[in-house]
């Protein structure tokens, strides 16, 4: 059964910031990279367990998948995939409820 995707406000802002950063060098590649991220997220509707488990105190069913060096951090439930954040792998990202 396909799950519904829900993007957090933070994840949407992360996408905008990534697009703006890459667009400084190439608008074309910024669009292509954002498409790659969205395609990876769309795959999670059918395969939400594909991501690696992420340990975070007080947060359950947390996983991540990668697109190049970016982490797509998401939480799963029976009927949805909640995209929490998209961060560069070099950044130290603190996960909280």
PDB file of N, CA and C in Angstrom:
ATOM      1  N   UNK A   1       0.840  -1.179   0.000  1.00  0.00           N
ATOM      2  CA  UNK A   1       0.000   0.000   0.000  1.00  0.00           C
ATOM      3  C   UNK A   1       0.892   1.252   0.000  1.00  0.00           C
ATOM      4  N   UNK A   2       0.615   2.165  -0.871  1.00  0.00           N
ATOM      5  CA  UNK A   2       1.391   3.398  -0.970  1.00  0.00           C
ATOM      6  C   UNK A   2       1.071   4.321   0.206  1.00  0.00           C
ATOM      7  N   UNK A   3       2.097   4.908   0.735  1.00  0.00           N
ATOM      8  CA  UNK A   3       1.923   5.869   1.826  1.00  0.00           C
ATOM      9  C   UNK A   3       1.950   7.286   1.271  1.00  0.00           C
ATOM     10  N   UNK A   4       1.306   8.163   1.974  1.00  0.00           N
ATOM     11  CA  UNK A   4       1.254   9.569   1.590  1.00  0.00           C
ATOM     12  C   UNK A   4       2.501  10.278   2.101  1.00  0.00           C
ATOM     13  N   UNK A   5       3.009  11.216   1.307  1.00  0.00           N
ATOM     14  CA  UNK A   5       4.174  12.010   1.687  1.00  0.00           C
ATOM     15  C   UNK A   5       3.709  13.338   2.277  1.00  0.00           C
ATOM     16  N   UNK A   6       4.272  13.712   3.409  1.00  0.00           N
ATOM     17  CA  UNK A   6       4.012  15.009   4.028  1.00  0.00           C
ATOM     18  C   UNK A   6       5.373  15.655   4.285  1.00  0.00           C
ATOM     19  N   UNK A   7       5.538  16.880   3.806  1.00  0.00           N
ATOM     20  CA  UNK A   7       6.789  17.626   3.979  1.00  0.00           C
ATOM     21  C   UNK A   7       6.644  18.591   5.157  1.00  0.00           C
ATOM     22  N   UNK A   8       7.612  18.590   6.055  1.00  0.00           N
ATOM     23  CA  UNK A   8       7.608  19.585   7.132  1.00  0.00           C
ATOM     24  C   UNK A   8       7.961  20.947   6.544  1.00  0.00           C
ATOM     25  N   UNK A   9       7.636  21.987   7.277  1.00  0.00           N
ATOM     26  CA  UNK A   9       8.002  23.341   6.863  1.00  0.00           C
ATOM     27  C   UNK A   9       9.523  23.441   6.744  1.00  0.00           C
ATOM     28  N   UNK A  10      10.243  22.836   7.685  1.00  0.00           N
ATOM     29  CA  UNK A  10      11.709  22.868   7.652  1.00  0.00           C
ATOM     30  C   UNK A  10      12.255  22.179   6.407  1.00  0.00           C
ATOM     31  N   UNK A  11      11.693  21.045   6.039  1.00  0.00           N
ATOM     32  CA  UNK A  11      12.166  20.320   4.856  1.00  0.00           C
ATOM     33  C   UNK A  11      11.909  21.126   3.586  1.00  0.00           C
ATOM     34  N   UNK A  12      10.767  21.786   3.520  1.00  0.00           N
ATOM     35  CA  UNK A  12      10.482  22.641   2.354  1.00  0.00           C
ATOM     36  C   UNK A  12      11.486  23.794   2.268  1.00  0.00           C
ATOM     37  N   UNK A  13      11.821  24.369   3.407  1.00  0.00           N
ATOM     38  CA  UNK A  13      12.805  25.446   3.438  1.00  0.00           C
ATOM     39  C   UNK A  13      14.191  24.908   3.059  1.00  0.00           C
ATOM     40  N   UNK A  14      14.511  23.711   3.529  1.00  0.00           N
ATOM     41  CA  UNK A  14      15.783  23.086   3.146  1.00  0.00           C
ATOM     42  C   UNK A  14      15.881  22.965   1.629  1.00  0.00           C
ATOM     43  N   UNK A  15      14.805  22.506   0.982  1.00  0.00           N
ATOM     44  CA  UNK A  15      14.784  22.385  -0.486  1.00  0.00           C
ATOM     45  C   UNK A  15      15.033  23.727  -1.160  1.00  0.00           C
ATOM     46  N   UNK A  16      14.357  24.760  -0.675  1.00  0.00           N
ATOM     47  CA  UNK A  16      14.548  26.102  -1.246  1.00  0.00           C
ATOM     48  C   UNK A  16      15.998  26.568  -1.114  1.00  0.00           C
ATOM     49  N   UNK A  17      16.579  26.345   0.051  1.00  0.00           N
ATOM     50  CA  UNK A  17      17.957  26.774   0.290  1.00  0.00           C
ATOM     51  C   UNK A  17      18.949  26.000  -0.581  1.00  0.00           C
ATOM     52  N   UNK A  18      18.732  24.707  -0.726  1.00  0.00           N
ATOM     53  CA  UNK A  18      19.594  23.891  -1.586  1.00  0.00           C
ATOM     54  C   UNK A  18      19.495  24.378  -3.026  1.00  0.00           C
ATOM     55  N   UNK A  19      18.270  24.613  -3.492  1.00  0.00           N
ATOM     56  CA  UNK A  19      18.061  25.095  -4.860  1.00  0.00           C
ATOM     57  C   UNK A  19      18.781  26.423  -5.075  1.00  0.00           C
ATOM     58  N   UNK A  20      18.621  27.359  -4.130  1.00  0.00           N
ATOM     59  CA  UNK A  20      19.255  28.674  -4.254  1.00  0.00           C
ATOM     60  C   UNK A  20      20.777  28.554  -4.261  1.00  0.00           C
ATOM     61  N   UNK A  21      21.317  27.690  -3.407  1.00  0.00           N
ATOM     62  CA  UNK A  21      22.762  27.531  -3.312  1.00  0.00           C
ATOM     63  C   UNK A  21      23.338  26.999  -4.625  1.00  0.00           C
ATOM     64  N   UNK A  22      22.731  25.950  -5.165  1.00  0.00           N
ATOM     65  CA  UNK A  22      23.239  25.359  -6.409  1.00  0.00           C
ATOM     66  C   UNK A  22      23.005  26.301  -7.580  1.00  0.00           C
ATOM     67  N   UNK A  23      21.902  27.038  -7.572  1.00  0.00           N
ATOM     68  CA  UNK A  23      21.573  27.956  -8.670  1.00  0.00           C
ATOM     69  C   UNK A  23      22.582  29.083  -8.802  1.00  0.00           C
ATOM     70  N   UNK A  24      23.346  29.360  -7.761  1.00  0.00           N
ATOM     71  CA  UNK A  24      24.386  30.390  -7.879  1.00  0.00           C
ATOM     72  C   UNK A  24      25.379  30.017  -8.975  1.00  0.00           C
ATOM     73  N   UNK A  25      25.586  28.711  -9.167  1.00  0.00           N
ATOM     74  CA  UNK A  25      26.478  28.234 -10.218  1.00  0.00           C
ATOM     75  C   UNK A  25      25.730  27.790 -11.472  1.00  0.00           C
ATOM     76  N   UNK A  26      24.546  27.171 -11.277  1.00  0.00           N
ATOM     77  CA  UNK A  26      23.811  26.640 -12.428  1.00  0.00           C
ATOM     78  C   UNK A  26      22.335  26.452 -12.092  1.00  0.00           C
ATOM     79  N   UNK A  27      21.491  27.202 -12.761  1.00  0.00           N
ATOM     80  CA  UNK A  27      20.048  27.037 -12.577  1.00  0.00           C
ATOM     81  C   UNK A  27      19.614  25.658 -13.051  1.00  0.00           C
ATOM     82  N   UNK A  28      20.191  25.223 -14.159  1.00  0.00           N
ATOM     83  CA  UNK A  28      19.847  23.911 -14.711  1.00  0.00           C
ATOM     84  C   UNK A  28      20.124  22.811 -13.688  1.00  0.00           C
ATOM     85  N   UNK A  29      21.326  22.777 -13.124  1.00  0.00           N
ATOM     86  CA  UNK A  29      21.685  21.720 -12.173  1.00  0.00           C
ATOM     87  C   UNK A  29      20.926  21.849 -10.855  1.00  0.00           C
ATOM     88  N   UNK A  30      20.558  23.047 -10.489  1.00  0.00           N
ATOM     89  CA  UNK A  30      19.753  23.188  -9.271  1.00  0.00           C
ATOM     90  C   UNK A  30      18.388  22.532  -9.464  1.00  0.00           C
ATOM     91  N   UNK A  31      17.786  22.743 -10.634  1.00  0.00           N
ATOM     92  CA  UNK A  31      16.489  22.110 -10.932  1.00  0.00           C
ATOM     93  C   UNK A  31      16.625  20.594 -11.005  1.00  0.00           C
ATOM     94  N   UNK A  32      17.696  20.125 -11.644  1.00  0.00           N
ATOM     95  CA  UNK A  32      17.923  18.682 -11.771  1.00  0.00           C
ATOM     96  C   UNK A  32      18.128  18.027 -10.406  1.00  0.00           C
ATOM     97  N   UNK A  33      18.872  18.694  -9.541  1.00  0.00           N
ATOM     98  CA  UNK A  33      19.138  18.115  -8.227  1.00  0.00           C
ATOM     99  C   UNK A  33      17.874  18.084  -7.374  1.00  0.00           C
ATOM    100  N   UNK A  34      17.091  19.127  -7.404  1.00  0.00           N
ATOM    101  CA  UNK A  34      15.835  19.138  -6.655  1.00  0.00           C
ATOM    102  C   UNK A  34      14.905  18.045  -7.181  1.00  0.00           C
ATOM    103  N   UNK A  35      14.882  17.838  -8.487  1.00  0.00           N
ATOM    104  CA  UNK A  35      14.085  16.759  -9.079  1.00  0.00           C
ATOM    105  C   UNK A  35      14.579  15.410  -8.562  1.00  0.00           C
ATOM    106  N   UNK A  36      15.889  15.237  -8.477  1.00  0.00           N
ATOM    107  CA  UNK A  36      16.455  13.982  -7.969  1.00  0.00           C
ATOM    108  C   UNK A  36      16.019  13.729  -6.520  1.00  0.00           C
ATOM    109  N   UNK A  37      16.032  14.774  -5.711  1.00  0.00           N
ATOM    110  CA  UNK A  37      15.574  14.636  -4.321  1.00  0.00           C
ATOM    111  C   UNK A  37      14.094  14.261  -4.288  1.00  0.00           C
ATOM    112  N   UNK A  38      13.276  14.968  -5.049  1.00  0.00           N
ATOM    113  CA  UNK A  38      11.832  14.688  -5.058  1.00  0.00           C
ATOM    114  C   UNK A  38      11.533  13.284  -5.582  1.00  0.00           C
ATOM    115  N   UNK A  39      12.301  12.823  -6.563  1.00  0.00           N
ATOM    116  CA  UNK A  39      12.119  11.458  -7.072  1.00  0.00           C
ATOM    117  C   UNK A  39      12.451  10.431  -5.997  1.00  0.00           C
ATOM    118  N   UNK A  40      13.527  10.672  -5.241  1.00  0.00           N
ATOM    119  CA  UNK A  40      13.904   9.755  -4.158  1.00  0.00           C
ATOM    120  C   UNK A  40      12.815   9.717  -3.092  1.00  0.00           C
ATOM    121  N   UNK A  41      12.257  10.881  -2.761  1.00  0.00           N
ATOM    122  CA  UNK A  41      11.170  10.942  -1.784  1.00  0.00           C
ATOM    123  C   UNK A  41       9.945  10.200  -2.311  1.00  0.00           C
ATOM    124  N   UNK A  42       9.628  10.356  -3.587  1.00  0.00           N
ATOM    125  CA  UNK A  42       8.473   9.678  -4.167  1.00  0.00           C
ATOM    126  C   UNK A  42       8.610   8.157  -4.064  1.00  0.00           C
ATOM    127  N   UNK A  43       9.831   7.639  -4.174  1.00  0.00           N
ATOM    128  CA  UNK A  43      10.059   6.195  -4.032  1.00  0.00           C
ATOM    129  C   UNK A  43       9.666   5.702  -2.641  1.00  0.00           C
ATOM    130  N   UNK A  44       9.740   6.586  -1.662  1.00  0.00           N
ATOM    131  CA  UNK A  44       9.427   6.198  -0.281  1.00  0.00           C
ATOM    132  C   UNK A  44       7.944   5.886  -0.086  1.00  0.00           C
ATOM    133  N   UNK A  45       7.087   6.323  -1.005  1.00  0.00           N
ATOM    134  CA  UNK A  45       5.661   6.008  -0.869  1.00  0.00           C
ATOM    135  C   UNK A  45       5.438   4.500  -0.931  1.00  0.00           C
ATOM    136  N   UNK A  46       6.241   3.817  -1.734  1.00  0.00           N
ATOM    137  CA  UNK A  46       6.108   2.362  -1.859  1.00  0.00           C
ATOM    138  C   UNK A  46       7.149   1.587  -1.048  1.00  0.00           C
ATOM    139  N   UNK A  47       8.295   2.201  -0.798  1.00  0.00           N
ATOM    140  CA  UNK A  47       9.384   1.516  -0.105  1.00  0.00           C
ATOM    141  C   UNK A  47       9.923   2.345   1.068  1.00  0.00           C
ATOM    142  N   UNK A  48       9.089   2.643   2.054  1.00  0.00           N
ATOM    143  CA  UNK A  48       9.525   3.518   3.152  1.00  0.00           C
ATOM    144  C   UNK A  48      10.590   2.889   4.048  1.00  0.00           C
ATOM    145  N   UNK A  49      10.706   1.561   4.051  1.00  0.00           N
ATOM    146  CA  UNK A  49      11.682   0.897   4.907  1.00  0.00           C
ATOM    147  C   UNK A  49      13.074   0.856   4.289  1.00  0.00           C
ATOM    148  N   UNK A  50      13.236   1.397   3.079  1.00  0.00           N
ATOM    149  CA  UNK A  50      14.528   1.314   2.401  1.00  0.00           C
ATOM    150  C   UNK A  50      15.604   2.138   3.113  1.00  0.00           C
ATOM    151  N   UNK A  51      15.216   3.143   3.832  1.00  0.00           N
ATOM    152  CA  UNK A  51      16.199   3.984   4.503  1.00  0.00           C
ATOM    153  C   UNK A  51      16.821   3.316   5.706  1.00  0.00           C
ATOM    154  N   UNK A  52      17.972   3.840   6.102  1.00  0.00           N
ATOM    155  CA  UNK A  52      18.708   3.356   7.265  1.00  0.00           C
ATOM    156  C   UNK A  52      18.074   3.944   8.528  1.00  0.00           C
ATOM    157  N   UNK A  53      17.979   3.119   9.574  1.00  0.00           N
ATOM    158  CA  UNK A  53      17.454   3.623  10.853  1.00  0.00           C
ATOM    159  C   UNK A  53      18.370   4.695  11.423  1.00  0.00           C
ATOM    160  N   UNK A  54      17.748   5.722  11.990  1.00  0.00           N
ATOM    161  CA  UNK A  54      18.481   6.797  12.660  1.00  0.00           C
ATOM    162  C   UNK A  54      18.036   6.797  14.112  1.00  0.00           C
ATOM    163  N   UNK A  55      19.008   6.789  15.008  1.00  0.00           N
ATOM    164  CA  UNK A  55      18.705   6.818  16.441  1.00  0.00           C
ATOM    165  C   UNK A  55      18.547   8.267  16.901  1.00  0.00           C
ATOM    166  N   UNK A  56      17.440   8.539  17.555  1.00  0.00           N
ATOM    167  CA  UNK A  56      17.203   9.855  18.145  1.00  0.00           C
ATOM    168  C   UNK A  56      16.300   9.658  19.357  1.00  0.00           C
ATOM    169  N   UNK A  57      16.691  10.243  20.453  1.00  0.00           N
ATOM    170  CA  UNK A  57      15.933  10.080  21.683  1.00  0.00           C
ATOM    171  C   UNK A  57      14.527  10.645  21.539  1.00  0.00           C
ATOM    172  N   UNK A  58      13.525   9.824  21.854  1.00  0.00           N
ATOM    173  CA  UNK A  58      12.139  10.259  21.835  1.00  0.00           C
ATOM    174  C   UNK A  58      11.498  10.300  20.455  1.00  0.00           C
ATOM    175  N   UNK A  59      12.230   9.925  19.404  1.00  0.00           N
ATOM    176  CA  UNK A  59      11.676   9.930  18.046  1.00  0.00           C
ATOM    177  C   UNK A  59      11.718   8.502  17.521  1.00  0.00           C
ATOM    178  N   UNK A  60      10.563   7.993  17.118  1.00  0.00           N
ATOM    179  CA  UNK A  60      10.463   6.610  16.667  1.00  0.00           C
ATOM    180  C   UNK A  60      10.308   6.545  15.152  1.00  0.00           C
ATOM    181  N   UNK A  61      10.657   5.384  14.590  1.00  0.00           N
ATOM    182  CA  UNK A  61      10.506   5.120  13.157  1.00  0.00           C
ATOM    183  C   UNK A  61      11.224   6.158  12.304  1.00  0.00           C
ATOM    184  N   UNK A  62      12.392   6.536  12.708  1.00  0.00           N
ATOM    185  CA  UNK A  62      13.165   7.548  12.000  1.00  0.00           C
ATOM    186  C   UNK A  62      14.165   6.864  11.068  1.00  0.00           C
ATOM    187  N   UNK A  63      14.227   7.359   9.832  1.00  0.00           N
ATOM    188  CA  UNK A  63      15.121   6.781   8.831  1.00  0.00           C
ATOM    189  C   UNK A  63      15.739   7.893   8.000  1.00  0.00           C
ATOM    190  N   UNK A  64      16.722   7.500   7.176  1.00  0.00           N
ATOM    191  CA  UNK A  64      17.310   8.452   6.248  1.00  0.00           C
ATOM    192  C   UNK A  64      17.730   7.726   4.976  1.00  0.00           C
ATOM    193  N   UNK A  65      17.642   8.446   3.868  1.00  0.00           N
ATOM    194  CA  UNK A  65      18.186   8.008   2.594  1.00  0.00           C
ATOM    195  C   UNK A  65      19.068   9.139   2.093  1.00  0.00           C
ATOM    196  N   UNK A  66      19.936   8.820   1.164  1.00  0.00           N
ATOM    197  CA  UNK A  66      20.881   9.813   0.659  1.00  0.00           C
ATOM    198  C   UNK A  66      20.652  10.089  -0.820  1.00  0.00           C
ATOM    199  N   UNK A  67      20.841  11.340  -1.182  1.00  0.00           N
ATOM    200  CA  UNK A  67      20.955  11.759  -2.577  1.00  0.00           C
ATOM    201  C   UNK A  67      22.269  12.518  -2.635  1.00  0.00           C
ATOM    202  N   UNK A  68      23.233  11.912  -3.294  1.00  0.00           N
ATOM    203  CA  UNK A  68      24.606  12.418  -3.296  1.00  0.00           C
ATOM    204  C   UNK A  68      25.047  12.588  -1.842  1.00  0.00           C
ATOM    205  N   UNK A  69      25.407  13.781  -1.420  1.00  0.00           N
ATOM    206  CA  UNK A  69      25.874  13.970  -0.035  1.00  0.00           C
ATOM    207  C   UNK A  69      24.790  14.501   0.897  1.00  0.00           C
ATOM    208  N   UNK A  70      23.557  14.542   0.432  1.00  0.00           N
ATOM    209  CA  UNK A  70      22.461  15.074   1.244  1.00  0.00           C
ATOM    210  C   UNK A  70      21.656  13.952   1.887  1.00  0.00           C
ATOM    211  N   UNK A  71      21.315  14.166   3.145  1.00  0.00           N
ATOM    212  CA  UNK A  71      20.496  13.228   3.911  1.00  0.00           C
ATOM    213  C   UNK A  71      19.041  13.679   3.866  1.00  0.00           C
ATOM    214  N   UNK A  72      18.171  12.778   3.484  1.00  0.00           N
ATOM    215  CA  UNK A  72      16.722  13.024   3.574  1.00  0.00           C
ATOM    216  C   UNK A  72      16.276  12.275   4.822  1.00  0.00           C
ATOM    217  N   UNK A  73      15.924  13.024   5.839  1.00  0.00           N
ATOM    218  CA  UNK A  73      15.559  12.436   7.126  1.00  0.00           C
ATOM    219  C   UNK A  73      14.042  12.419   7.216  1.00  0.00           C
ATOM    220  N   UNK A  74      13.500  11.227   7.513  1.00  0.00           N
ATOM    221  CA  UNK A  74      12.042  11.082   7.514  1.00  0.00           C
ATOM    222  C   UNK A  74      11.578  10.119   8.596  1.00  0.00           C
ATOM    223  N   UNK A  75      10.319  10.263   8.923  1.00  0.00           N
ATOM    224  CA  UNK A  75       9.671   9.423   9.926  1.00  0.00           C
ATOM    225  C   UNK A  75       8.519   8.698   9.239  1.00  0.00           C
ATOM    226  N   UNK A  76       8.320   7.448   9.603  1.00  0.00           N
ATOM    227  CA  UNK A  76       7.247   6.675   8.975  1.00  0.00           C
ATOM    228  C   UNK A  76       6.156   6.335   9.981  1.00  0.00           C
ATOM    229  N   UNK A  77       4.966   6.192   9.451  1.00  0.00           N
ATOM    230  CA  UNK A  77       3.849   5.639  10.218  1.00  0.00           C
ATOM    231  C   UNK A  77       3.124   4.681   9.275  1.00  0.00           C
ATOM    232  N   UNK A  78       2.043   4.131   9.735  1.00  0.00           N
ATOM    233  CA  UNK A  78       1.322   3.134   8.938  1.00  0.00           C
ATOM    234  C   UNK A  78       0.848   3.674   7.592  1.00  0.00           C
ATOM    235  N   UNK A  79       0.493   4.956   7.533  1.00  0.00           N
ATOM    236  CA  UNK A  79      -0.084   5.477   6.287  1.00  0.00           C
ATOM    237  C   UNK A  79       0.644   6.680   5.692  1.00  0.00           C
ATOM    238  N   UNK A  80       1.763   7.125   6.330  1.00  0.00           N
ATOM    239  CA  UNK A  80       2.463   8.264   5.735  1.00  0.00           C
ATOM    240  C   UNK A  80       3.955   8.231   5.975  1.00  0.00           C
ATOM    241  N   UNK A  81       4.632   9.048   5.165  1.00  0.00           N
ATOM    242  CA  UNK A  81       6.064   9.302   5.302  1.00  0.00           C
ATOM    243  C   UNK A  81       6.197  10.800   5.526  1.00  0.00           C
ATOM    244  N   UNK A  82       6.766  11.177   6.665  1.00  0.00           N
ATOM    245  CA  UNK A  82       6.894  12.577   7.041  1.00  0.00           C
ATOM    246  C   UNK A  82       8.341  13.007   6.824  1.00  0.00           C
ATOM    247  N   UNK A  83       8.569  13.863   5.839  1.00  0.00           N
ATOM    248  CA  UNK A  83       9.908  14.348   5.530  1.00  0.00           C
ATOM    249  C   UNK A  83      10.238  15.457   6.530  1.00  0.00           C
ATOM    250  N   UNK A  84      11.231  15.198   7.372  1.00  0.00           N
ATOM    251  CA  UNK A  84      11.571  16.126   8.444  1.00  0.00           C
ATOM    252  C   UNK A  84      12.610  17.165   8.027  1.00  0.00           C
ATOM    253  N   UNK A  85      13.627  16.712   7.271  1.00  0.00           N
ATOM    254  CA  UNK A  85      14.716  17.625   6.922  1.00  0.00           C
ATOM    255  C   UNK A  85      15.525  17.052   5.771  1.00  0.00           C
ATOM    256  N   UNK A  86      16.213  17.947   5.077  1.00  0.00           N
ATOM    257  CA  UNK A  86      17.179  17.566   4.054  1.00  0.00           C
ATOM    258  C   UNK A  86      18.440  18.361   4.361  1.00  0.00           C
ATOM    259  N   UNK A  87      19.483  17.652   4.763  1.00  0.00           N
ATOM    260  CA  UNK A  87      20.696  18.336   5.204  1.00  0.00           C
ATOM    261  C   UNK A  87      21.927  17.726   4.544  1.00  0.00           C
ATOM    262  N   UNK A  88      22.933  18.551   4.365  1.00  0.00           N
ATOM    263  CA  UNK A  88      24.198  18.064   3.824  1.00  0.00           C
ATOM    264  C   UNK A  88      24.835  17.134   4.852  1.00  0.00           C
ATOM    265  N   UNK A  89      25.396  16.046   4.380  1.00  0.00           N
ATOM    266  CA  UNK A  89      25.989  15.049   5.266  1.00  0.00           C
ATOM    267  C   UNK A  89      27.100  15.583   6.149  1.00  0.00           C
ATOM    268  N   UNK A  90      27.754  16.666   5.738  1.00  0.00           N
ATOM    269  CA  UNK A  90      28.834  17.252   6.535  1.00  0.00           C
ATOM    270  C   UNK A  90      28.304  18.058   7.714  1.00  0.00           C
ATOM    271  N   UNK A  91      27.013  18.404   7.667  1.00  0.00           N
ATOM    272  CA  UNK A  91      26.429  19.184   8.767  1.00  0.00           C
ATOM    273  C   UNK A  91      26.043  18.278   9.923  1.00  0.00           C
ATOM    274  N   UNK A  92      26.251  18.755  11.122  1.00  0.00           N
ATOM    275  CA  UNK A  92      25.801  18.055  12.310  1.00  0.00           C
ATOM    276  C   UNK A  92      24.349  18.470  12.548  1.00  0.00           C
ATOM    277  N   UNK A  93      23.438  17.543  12.370  1.00  0.00           N
ATOM    278  CA  UNK A  93      22.012  17.861  12.477  1.00  0.00           C
ATOM    279  C   UNK A  93      21.439  17.180  13.708  1.00  0.00           C
ATOM    280  N   UNK A  94      20.884  17.959  14.616  1.00  0.00           N
ATOM    281  CA  UNK A  94      20.285  17.451  15.840  1.00  0.00           C
ATOM    282  C   UNK A  94      18.814  17.162  15.589  1.00  0.00           C
ATOM    283  N   UNK A  95      18.407  15.923  15.831  1.00  0.00           N
ATOM    284  CA  UNK A  95      17.017  15.521  15.608  1.00  0.00           C
ATOM    285  C   UNK A  95      16.273  15.610  16.938  1.00  0.00           C
ATOM    286  N   UNK A  96      15.174  16.356  16.908  1.00  0.00           N
ATOM    287  CA  UNK A  96      14.330  16.479  18.089  1.00  0.00           C
ATOM    288  C   UNK A  96      12.887  16.258  17.695  1.00  0.00           C
ATOM    289  N   UNK A  97      12.049  16.008  18.692  1.00  0.00           N
ATOM    290  CA  UNK A  97      10.618  15.787  18.424  1.00  0.00           C
ATOM    291  C   UNK A  97       9.972  17.019  17.841  1.00  0.00           C
TER     292      UNK A  97
END
